[in-house]
Amino acid sequence: MTHRVDIWHNILWSKYKGAVFSDLHRQSVRAGMDVRFFQIAETENDRVALGAVDLAYHKYPYRLMVRGSYQGISAARLAGILFWATLTSPAELVVLAGYHKMEYWAQLLAARLTGKRVMVFCDSTYHDRPRGNFRDLLKGWFFRSCHGYFCYGQRSKGYLLSYGAPDERVFTRCQAAALPRDYDPSRALDRRLAFLAEGKPPVILYVGRLAPEKNLFVLLEAFQSLLAVRPDCTLKLVGDGPDRAALEAAAARRELGGKVVFAGPRNGSDLWQEYVKASCLVLPSVSEPWGLVVNEALAHGCPVVVSERCGCVPELVLEGETGYAFAPDSAEQLCDSINRLLSLDDGAQIARNCLELMDGFTPRVAAAGIISGLRAVMER
């Protein structure tokens, strides 16, 4: 029997989802599943500054519902479009892109009206979306109406379990970074070891949006303290966003001069080289469901210093082996964590640790996890 499945995602901009869905498409064909993919919109307003949609990672058939930005269409109209698409679909299982928007509720209703089973992607954690308000009742009802769940890791699984999701229906490790299409771990290690052998001054790297939730003003404060003990360091901020002008002004007030580099957005080989040449990646966010830049850095042998609020910490931040975690409200802790990482003796072994860990977080592994979850729910 061929199982028919619809899988929905919010924006085509997400390269990582393209990488996972491409592998998922190949595996679903081998598994005898008829899986259709739907992308709701091309991008979102806050992603435009980070670059255009890169279709090179989307090697699978998909249907795009809305041209342009997700915010370019009213929620009511979008809910109507997605409700009808789900209501008239021949699929027996629908995987929703999320739970927190009107259109997802519309799809849930359409699926239940037509007897379809429902699964949902959930990347939320306690830190990202804390509980304790009236919307918890609605979330609980939504999750209890689903037959299965895909999430990033332990923290998002714990979030789902707190709403009554059955443990055996929660499937983790369903994401992976979109790495270079010719990526090879052994070559990545060679490049990293060659960089370490050059013995260049430390570069502290940040990659992402320059936005309030990224906590970059604390990073500037920590970096200023770090310069007192490591005056040869440079902080490089890769990305763009609403806080850029304020961050530039703050760096000037702290008289950091050329020690802080605002590099703007980077994509493709330019971005991968930033990881290769960085002493460590820092992700200081106060809200971060996972943090795929951590995957990207580790896949290039670059260790990480990550806020305890980031969902990836339990899986990816192995103390003293791949990096350190810190309290995001403490510039002192952040400074100390970076200094500890820079003080580790065997950079080559750290690089090997990073690459070995990432063997379990590839698109192939993520796709296999999704296939396993689809099969478990459909064959219950």
Foldseek 3Di string as FASTA:
>chain_A
DEAEEEEEAEALQALQVLQLVLLLQVVSVVVRYHYAYEYAEHEAPQCVQQDGRDCPSNNHDYHYNYYDHPVPDDLVVSLVSLLVCLLPDPHQEYEANADPGSSSVSNLVSCVVNNHAYEYEWLDFCLAPNDDDPCLVVVLVVLVSHLAYEYADDRRLVVSVVSPHDNVRYFYLQTFHNAAPPDDLVVLLVLLVVLVVVVAQAEEEEEDEPDDQQLVLLVLVLVLVLCVVRVSYAYEYAAYYDCVVVVVVSCVVSVVPRRYHDPGHDDDPRVLVVLSNHQAYERLGSHASADNVCNSSLSSLHAYEYEPRHNNCVQQHDPPQRFYYDHSVDSNRSNVRVVVSVPDDDSSRSSVSSNVSSVCNGSNNSSVSVVVSVVVSVVD
